[in-house]
Every structure is written in structure tokens, then in C-alpha cells.
C-alpha atoms as a PDB file:
ATOM      1  CA  MET A   1      10.837  15.803  -1.665  1.00  0.00           C
ATOM      2  CA  THR A   2      12.168  15.500   1.874  1.00  0.00           C
ATOM      3  CA  THR A   3      13.339  12.558   3.953  1.00  0.00           C
ATOM      4  CA  GLU A   4      13.187  12.021   7.711  1.00  0.00           C
ATOM      5  CA  ILE A   5      14.233   9.242  10.064  1.00  0.00           C
ATOM      6  CA  ILE A   6      11.647   8.204  12.631  1.00  0.00           C
ATOM      7  CA  SER A   7      12.562   6.251  15.745  1.00  0.00           C
ATOM      8  CA  THR A   8      10.165   3.379  16.468  1.00  0.00           C
ATOM      9  CA  ASP A   9      10.141   0.497  18.934  1.00  0.00           C
ATOM     10  CA  ALA A  10      11.225  -1.728  16.029  1.00  0.00           C
ATOM     11  CA  GLY A  11      14.162   0.505  15.056  1.00  0.00           C
ATOM     12  CA  ASP A  12      14.583   3.540  12.820  1.00  0.00           C
ATOM     13  CA  ALA A  13      12.154   3.917   9.931  1.00  0.00           C
ATOM     14  CA  ARG A  14      12.525   6.301   6.997  1.00  0.00           C
ATOM     15  CA  ILE A  15       9.810   8.492   5.464  1.00  0.00           C
ATOM     16  CA  THR A  16      10.253  10.153   2.093  1.00  0.00           C
ATOM     17  CA  TRP A  17       7.698  12.902   1.585  1.00  0.00           C
ATOM     18  CA  HIS A  18       6.258  13.912  -1.764  1.00  0.00           C
ATOM     19  CA  PRO A  19       4.048  16.825  -0.697  1.00  0.00           C
ATOM     20  CA  ALA A  20       1.048  18.297  -2.471  1.00  0.00           C
ATOM     21  CA  ARG A  21       0.797  22.095  -2.610  1.00  0.00           C
ATOM     22  CA  LYS A  22      -2.789  22.160  -1.386  1.00  0.00           C
ATOM     23  CA  ALA A  23      -3.065  18.813   0.313  1.00  0.00           C
ATOM     24  CA  ARG A  24      -6.362  17.507   1.613  1.00  0.00           C
ATOM     25  CA  LEU A  25      -5.175  13.959   2.321  1.00  0.00           C
ATOM     26  CA  VAL A  26      -1.984  12.102   3.183  1.00  0.00           C
ATOM     27  CA  LEU A  27      -1.237   8.671   1.749  1.00  0.00           C
ATOM     28  CA  ALA A  28       1.234   6.822   3.961  1.00  0.00           C
ATOM     29  CA  VAL A  29       2.291   3.764   2.023  1.00  0.00           C
ATOM     30  CA  GLY A  30       4.647   0.959   2.960  1.00  0.00           C
ATOM     31  CA  HIS A  31       6.527  -1.640   0.928  1.00  0.00           C
ATOM     32  CA  GLY A  32       6.394  -5.405   0.832  1.00  0.00           C
ATOM     33  CA  ALA A  33       8.611  -8.106   2.294  1.00  0.00           C
ATOM     34  CA  GLY A  34      10.670  -8.522  -0.858  1.00  0.00           C
ATOM     35  CA  GLY A  35      11.681  -4.958  -1.627  1.00  0.00           C
ATOM     36  CA  GLY A  36      11.515  -1.299  -0.721  1.00  0.00           C
ATOM     37  CA  VAL A  37       9.755   1.842  -1.887  1.00  0.00           C
ATOM     38  CA  GLU A  38      11.397   1.754  -5.315  1.00  0.00           C
ATOM     39  CA  THR A  39       8.668  -0.456  -6.800  1.00  0.00           C
ATOM     40  CA  ARG A  40       6.822   0.788  -9.889  1.00  0.00           C
ATOM     41  CA  ASP A  41       3.486   1.233  -8.153  1.00  0.00           C
ATOM     42  CA  LEU A  42       4.760   3.195  -5.154  1.00  0.00           C
ATOM     43  CA  GLN A  43       6.953   5.443  -7.281  1.00  0.00           C
ATOM     44  CA  ALA A  44       4.098   6.136  -9.682  1.00  0.00           C
ATOM     45  CA  LEU A  45       1.774   7.117  -6.848  1.00  0.00           C
ATOM     46  CA  ALA A  46       4.442   9.438  -5.443  1.00  0.00           C
ATOM     47  CA  ARG A  47       4.704  11.144  -8.845  1.00  0.00           C
ATOM     48  CA  VAL A  48       1.008  11.436  -9.611  1.00  0.00           C
ATOM     49  CA  LEU A  49      -0.972  11.899  -6.402  1.00  0.00           C
ATOM     50  CA  PRO A  50       0.543  15.205  -5.208  1.00  0.00           C
ATOM     51  CA  GLY A  51      -0.943  16.809  -8.315  1.00  0.00           C
ATOM     52  CA  HIS A  52      -4.370  15.741  -7.071  1.00  0.00           C
ATOM     53  CA  GLY A  53      -4.182  17.082  -3.532  1.00  0.00           C
ATOM     54  CA  VAL A  54      -2.713  14.003  -1.868  1.00  0.00           C
ATOM     55  CA  SER A  55       0.675  14.200  -0.158  1.00  0.00           C
ATOM     56  CA  VAL A  56       2.502  10.870  -0.351  1.00  0.00           C
ATOM     57  CA  ALA A  57       4.712   9.519   2.429  1.00  0.00           C
ATOM     58  CA  LEU A  58       6.771   6.540   1.264  1.00  0.00           C
ATOM     59  CA  VAL A  59       7.590   4.567   4.397  1.00  0.00           C
ATOM     60  CA  GLU A  60      10.566   2.226   4.725  1.00  0.00           C
ATOM     61  CA  GLN A  61      10.230  -0.214   7.586  1.00  0.00           C
ATOM     62  CA  PRO A  62      13.084  -0.424  10.135  1.00  0.00           C
ATOM     63  CA  TRP A  63      14.332  -3.786   8.858  1.00  0.00           C
ATOM     64  CA  ARG A  64      14.814  -2.281   5.433  1.00  0.00           C
ATOM     65  CA  VAL A  65      16.528   0.841   6.768  1.00  0.00           C
ATOM     66  CA  ALA A  66      18.892  -1.417   8.734  1.00  0.00           C
ATOM     67  CA  GLY A  67      19.919  -3.168   5.525  1.00  0.00           C
ATOM     68  CA  LYS A  68      18.393  -6.541   6.348  1.00  0.00           C
ATOM     69  CA  LYS A  69      17.166  -8.734   3.494  1.00  0.00           C
ATOM     70  CA  VAL A  70      14.423 -10.624   5.283  1.00  0.00           C
ATOM     71  CA  ALA A  71      11.333  -8.999   6.773  1.00  0.00           C
ATOM     72  CA  PRO A  72      10.514  -9.730  10.424  1.00  0.00           C
ATOM     73  CA  ALA A  73       7.291 -11.219  11.768  1.00  0.00           C
ATOM     74  CA  PRO A  74       3.990  -9.431  11.053  1.00  0.00           C
ATOM     75  CA  LYS A  75       3.680  -8.178  14.631  1.00  0.00           C
ATOM     76  CA  THR A  76       7.073  -6.457  14.304  1.00  0.00           C
ATOM     77  CA  LEU A  77       5.976  -4.814  11.052  1.00  0.00           C
ATOM     78  CA  ASP A  78       2.912  -3.525  12.885  1.00  0.00           C
ATOM     79  CA  VAL A  79       5.133  -2.067  15.612  1.00  0.00           C
ATOM     80  CA  GLY A  80       7.143  -0.174  13.008  1.00  0.00           C
ATOM     81  CA  TRP A  81       3.970   1.141  11.366  1.00  0.00           C
ATOM     82  CA  ARG A  82       2.535   2.332  14.656  1.00  0.00           C
ATOM     83  CA  GLY A  83       5.807   4.140  15.298  1.00  0.00           C
ATOM     84  CA  ILE A  84       5.666   6.200  12.098  1.00  0.00           C
ATOM     85  CA  TRP A  85       1.997   7.100  12.440  1.00  0.00           C
ATOM     86  CA  PRO A  86       2.401  10.291  14.511  1.00  0.00           C
ATOM     87  CA  ALA A  87       4.713  11.661  11.809  1.00  0.00           C
ATOM     88  CA  VAL A  88       2.334  10.990   8.906  1.00  0.00           C
ATOM     89  CA  ALA A  89      -0.609  12.283  10.929  1.00  0.00           C
ATOM     90  CA  GLY A  90       1.414  15.365  11.900  1.00  0.00           C
ATOM     91  CA  PRO A  91       0.117  17.609   9.095  1.00  0.00           C
ATOM     92  CA  GLY A  92      -3.337  17.286  10.647  1.00  0.00           C
ATOM     93  CA  LEU A  93      -4.944  15.816   7.519  1.00  0.00           C
ATOM     94  CA  PRO A  94      -6.894  12.560   7.122  1.00  0.00           C
ATOM     95  CA  VAL A  95      -4.435   9.728   6.491  1.00  0.00           C
ATOM     96  CA  ILE A  96      -4.923   6.873   4.053  1.00  0.00           C
ATOM     97  CA  SER A  97      -2.991   3.891   5.377  1.00  0.00           C
ATOM     98  CA  GLY A  98      -1.533   1.991   2.456  1.00  0.00           C
ATOM     99  CA  GLY A  99       0.956  -0.618   1.422  1.00  0.00           C
ATOM    100  CA  ARG A 100       1.851  -3.202  -1.125  1.00  0.00           C
ATOM    101  CA  SER A 101       1.840  -6.928  -0.323  1.00  0.00           C
ATOM    102  CA  ALA A 102       2.974  -7.379   3.315  1.00  0.00           C
ATOM    103  CA  GLY A 103       2.578  -3.624   3.732  1.00  0.00           C
ATOM    104  CA  ALA A 104      -1.063  -3.914   2.686  1.00  0.00           C
ATOM    105  CA  ARG A 105      -1.612  -6.481   5.422  1.00  0.00           C
ATOM    106  CA  VAL A 106      -0.061  -4.113   7.956  1.00  0.00           C
ATOM    107  CA  ALA A 107      -2.354  -1.296   6.812  1.00  0.00           C
ATOM    108  CA  CYS A 108      -5.432  -3.494   7.163  1.00  0.00           C
ATOM    109  CA  ARG A 109      -4.475  -4.885  10.564  1.00  0.00           C
ATOM    110  CA  THR A 110      -3.808  -1.476  12.131  1.00  0.00           C
ATOM    111  CA  ALA A 111      -6.309   0.809  10.350  1.00  0.00           C
ATOM    112  CA  THR A 112      -8.984   0.978  13.014  1.00  0.00           C
ATOM    113  CA  GLU A 113      -6.520   1.181  15.899  1.00  0.00           C
ATOM    114  CA  LEU A 114      -4.622   4.085  14.340  1.00  0.00           C
ATOM    115  CA  GLY A 115      -7.657   5.976  13.140  1.00  0.00           C
ATOM    116  CA  ALA A 116      -6.868   5.677   9.437  1.00  0.00           C
ATOM    117  CA  HIS A 117      -9.267   7.476   7.111  1.00  0.00           C
ATOM    118  CA  ALA A 118      -9.107   4.645   4.563  1.00  0.00           C
ATOM    119  CA  VAL A 119      -6.880   1.779   3.387  1.00  0.00           C
ATOM    120  CA  LEU A 120      -5.129   1.283   0.052  1.00  0.00           C
ATOM    121  CA  ALA A 121      -4.051  -2.327  -0.513  1.00  0.00           C
ATOM    122  CA  LEU A 122      -1.749  -2.881  -3.488  1.00  0.00           C
ATOM    123  CA  GLY A 123      -1.237  -6.519  -4.391  1.00  0.00           C
ATOM    124  CA  PHE A 124      -2.909  -7.820  -1.240  1.00  0.00           C
ATOM    125  CA  PRO A 125      -1.417 -11.287  -0.572  1.00  0.00           C
ATOM    126  CA  LEU A 126      -4.684 -13.132  -0.077  1.00  0.00           C
ATOM    127  CA  HIS A 127      -2.802 -16.402   0.381  1.00  0.00           C
ATOM    128  CA  PRO A 128       0.686 -17.839  -0.170  1.00  0.00           C
ATOM    129  CA  PRO A 129       1.188 -18.948  -3.798  1.00  0.00           C
ATOM    130  CA  GLY A 130      -0.425 -22.316  -4.404  1.00  0.00           C
ATOM    131  CA  LYS A 131      -2.021 -22.399  -0.943  1.00  0.00           C
ATOM    132  CA  PRO A 132      -5.494 -20.857  -1.253  1.00  0.00           C
ATOM    133  CA  GLU A 133      -6.561 -22.687   1.892  1.00  0.00           C
ATOM    134  CA  LYS A 134      -4.307 -20.380   3.926  1.00  0.00           C
ATOM    135  CA  SER A 135      -6.462 -17.327   3.369  1.00  0.00           C
ATOM    136  CA  ARG A 136      -5.725 -13.922   4.906  1.00  0.00           C
ATOM    137  CA  SER A 137      -9.120 -12.551   3.969  1.00  0.00           C
ATOM    138  CA  GLU A 138      -9.961 -11.811   7.614  1.00  0.00           C
ATOM    139  CA  GLU A 139      -7.297  -9.098   7.661  1.00  0.00           C
ATOM    140  CA  LEU A 140      -8.770  -7.426   4.591  1.00  0.00           C
ATOM    141  CA  LEU A 141     -12.374  -7.793   5.724  1.00  0.00           C
ATOM    142  CA  GLY A 142     -11.458  -6.480   9.169  1.00  0.00           C
ATOM    143  CA  ALA A 143      -9.934  -3.196   8.032  1.00  0.00           C
ATOM    144  CA  GLY A 144     -13.051  -1.355   9.188  1.00  0.00           C
ATOM    145  CA  VAL A 145     -12.597   1.689   6.911  1.00  0.00           C
ATOM    146  CA  PRO A 146     -13.142   2.399   3.185  1.00  0.00           C
ATOM    147  CA  THR A 147     -10.709   0.168   1.327  1.00  0.00           C
ATOM    148  CA  LEU A 148      -9.416  -0.027  -2.231  1.00  0.00           C
ATOM    149  CA  VAL A 149      -7.653  -3.180  -3.409  1.00  0.00           C
ATOM    150  CA  VAL A 150      -5.603  -2.987  -6.605  1.00  0.00           C
ATOM    151  CA  GLN A 151      -4.737  -6.499  -7.759  1.00  0.00           C
ATOM    152  CA  GLY A 152      -2.912  -7.981 -10.722  1.00  0.00           C
ATOM    153  CA  GLY A 153      -5.046 -10.282 -12.847  1.00  0.00           C
ATOM    154  CA  ASN A 154      -2.372 -12.995 -12.647  1.00  0.00           C
ATOM    155  CA  ASP A 155      -1.183 -12.441  -9.086  1.00  0.00           C
ATOM    156  CA  PRO A 156      -0.180 -15.839  -7.652  1.00  0.00           C
ATOM    157  CA  PHE A 157      -0.864 -14.461  -4.159  1.00  0.00           C
ATOM    158  CA  GLY A 158      -4.532 -14.084  -5.091  1.00  0.00           C
ATOM    159  CA  ARG A 159      -6.251 -13.386  -8.390  1.00  0.00           C
ATOM    160  CA  PRO A 160      -9.167 -10.944  -8.350  1.00  0.00           C
ATOM    161  CA  GLN A 161     -11.768 -13.685  -8.790  1.00  0.00           C
ATOM    162  CA  GLU A 162     -10.503 -15.411  -5.639  1.00  0.00           C
ATOM    163  CA  PHE A 163     -11.355 -12.479  -3.382  1.00  0.00           C
ATOM    164  CA  PRO A 164     -14.443 -12.812  -1.183  1.00  0.00           C
ATOM    165  CA  VAL A 165     -17.324 -10.414  -1.395  1.00  0.00           C
ATOM    166  CA  GLY A 166     -16.704  -7.653   1.095  1.00  0.00           C
ATOM    167  CA  PRO A 167     -16.978  -3.971   1.983  1.00  0.00           C
ATOM    168  CA  TYR A 168     -14.170  -2.867  -0.297  1.00  0.00           C
ATOM    169  CA  GLU A 169     -13.590  -1.909  -3.922  1.00  0.00           C
ATOM    170  CA  LEU A 170     -11.335  -4.036  -6.112  1.00  0.00           C
ATOM    171  CA  VAL A 171      -9.631  -2.828  -9.288  1.00  0.00           C
ATOM    172  CA  GLU A 172      -7.871  -5.333 -11.551  1.00  0.00           C
ATOM    173  CA  VAL A 173      -4.687  -4.647 -13.465  1.00  0.00           C
ATOM    174  CA  PRO A 174      -5.226  -6.961 -16.468  1.00  0.00           C
ATOM    175  CA  GLY A 175      -2.430  -9.480 -16.838  1.00  0.00           C
ATOM    176  CA  GLY A 176      -0.443  -8.039 -13.933  1.00  0.00           C
ATOM    177  CA  ASP A 177       1.568 -10.227 -11.600  1.00  0.00           C
ATOM    178  CA  HIS A 178       2.257  -9.543  -7.915  1.00  0.00           C
ATOM    179  CA  GLY A 179       4.472  -6.578  -8.835  1.00  0.00           C
ATOM    180  CA  PHE A 180       2.023  -5.419 -11.545  1.00  0.00           C
ATOM    181  CA  ALA A 181       4.411  -6.463 -14.312  1.00  0.00           C
ATOM    182  CA  VAL A 182       2.561  -7.448 -17.475  1.00  0.00           C
ATOM    183  CA  PRO A 183       3.858  -9.836 -20.164  1.00  0.00           C
ATOM    184  CA  LYS A 184       4.927  -8.447 -23.524  1.00  0.00           C
ATOM    185  CA  ARG A 185       2.008 -10.225 -25.173  1.00  0.00           C
ATOM    186  CA  ALA A 186      -0.506  -8.460 -22.922  1.00  0.00           C
ATOM    187  CA  ASP A 187      -3.226  -6.204 -24.306  1.00  0.00           C
ATOM    188  CA  LEU A 188      -1.764  -3.226 -22.462  1.00  0.00           C
ATOM    189  CA  THR A 189       1.779  -1.923 -22.089  1.00  0.00           C
ATOM    190  CA  GLN A 190       3.647  -1.697 -18.803  1.00  0.00           C
ATOM    191  CA  GLU A 191       3.103   2.055 -18.790  1.00  0.00           C
ATOM    192  CA  GLN A 192      -0.628   1.580 -19.320  1.00  0.00           C
ATOM    193  CA  ALA A 193      -0.743  -0.968 -16.510  1.00  0.00           C
ATOM    194  CA  VAL A 194       0.781   1.557 -14.117  1.00  0.00           C
ATOM    195  CA  THR A 195      -1.721   4.159 -15.312  1.00  0.00           C
ATOM    196  CA  VAL A 196      -4.543   1.780 -14.384  1.00  0.00           C
ATOM    197  CA  ILE A 197      -3.196   1.871 -10.826  1.00  0.00           C
ATOM    198  CA  THR A 198      -2.728   5.627 -10.560  1.00  0.00           C
ATOM    199  CA  ASP A 199      -6.045   6.431 -12.254  1.00  0.00           C
ATOM    200  CA  ALA A 200      -7.888   4.115  -9.862  1.00  0.00           C
ATOM    201  CA  VAL A 201      -6.242   5.603  -6.779  1.00  0.00           C
ATOM    202  CA  VAL A 202      -6.792   9.202  -7.931  1.00  0.00           C
ATOM    203  CA  ARG A 203     -10.485   8.507  -8.561  1.00  0.00           C
ATOM    204  CA  TRP A 204     -10.963   6.641  -5.282  1.00  0.00           C
ATOM    205  CA  ALA A 205      -9.094   9.224  -3.209  1.00  0.00           C
ATOM    206  CA  GLY A 206     -11.245  11.918  -4.781  1.00  0.00           C
ATOM    207  CA  SER A 207     -14.368  10.090  -3.623  1.00  0.00           C
ATOM    208  CA  LEU A 208     -13.309   9.969   0.032  1.00  0.00           C
ATOM    209  CA  GLY A 209     -15.160  12.439   2.200  1.00  0.00           C
END
């Protein structure tokens, strides 16, 4: 594991690399607006994917590196993501652009522009909680590259059944909320819920040409 600071037009970002020995893909994955790269899904991917030929770059947006508690506007998040792209593309491998929540929106909005190989959207915030009329489906549908959505079954930002039909694959984490936490009464444990995520991403990444 190595860490580097990348200067972007939105400030300094931080990339923590979890390299694969014989990498064939890079997954660059960003965090959401309410936390950093320490979330259970991002950490699990960083542990598991390198063993399957995918180097993982956990990306901390400049606002987070600067110690701020509130994420900036979407366009500023996009600026930060564009700024880190040369570094994650540096190994010369196809790059999956990924993120959770707000980071998933960034990945979708910039995928075509940056030449992403595919998009991984973890907990895509289809709409604000309780406001399904304010849909962000256009961002997801406009990604323009192979896309995998991993969504909690009880995510208040959009349950799987609310998602429109589109050119993407959707995997449900049964009972999961926006952070993929499952209640104690759920049919699967928290560890099993995380395995649903990693298994889905490993399988999907293996299918990418």
C-alpha cells in the first residue's frame, strides 16, 4: 500500500494504492459526501480485488484532504476527479471509474470524457430521501460505458425497484441501507452483505474485456 498527494484545480487530493501483482485493470474509487475511504465497501474492495488482478486506488477528494466536513458542489467534485485521472491512468491499464454515493455520480458524469473503461456505482443516490421526483437517473443512464450498480435493498436514496431500465447491471444487497449496513434481524450477516458486494464486483470486473 502506498499513498500519494495529487495536485488538482480543486486542491490536493490523496490516492491510496492497493496494487495487484499482475494487474489487468485499475479501479479508481471515490467516497461519498458524508465520509471518506474508510467505509466498509471501499475497504473491502481494496482488500479483495488485488487478488483478482485489479489494482485499487482509493481516492480522497480535496475537500476531505483539507479537513472540511461538507462536500462542495458537484462541479467541484468533478474538477477534483479530473485532476486525479492522469495518476490512476498512469499504469497504462484500463481504468474503472468508481465511487460510492456522490462519488458514484461523479464517476457517471465524467466517464465518457475521461475515457473510463467502465463505471462502478456503489449506493447510487437516485434521488434525495423522500423525494423520488428529483431523480438523478440521467447521470446513471448517461455514463456511456459498462456500468455496475450495487444498491442496498433498503437504501432511502433509491431502492433497487425504483431504478429505471437501462444499459447497466444492478446487484442488490438484501436489507442494506445506503452504507450497506444490514439490520440484526436480516437474513444475512454484515460480513455476508459485504461479500455480496465484493463477489459481484469480482465477477463483473472479470467479465470486462
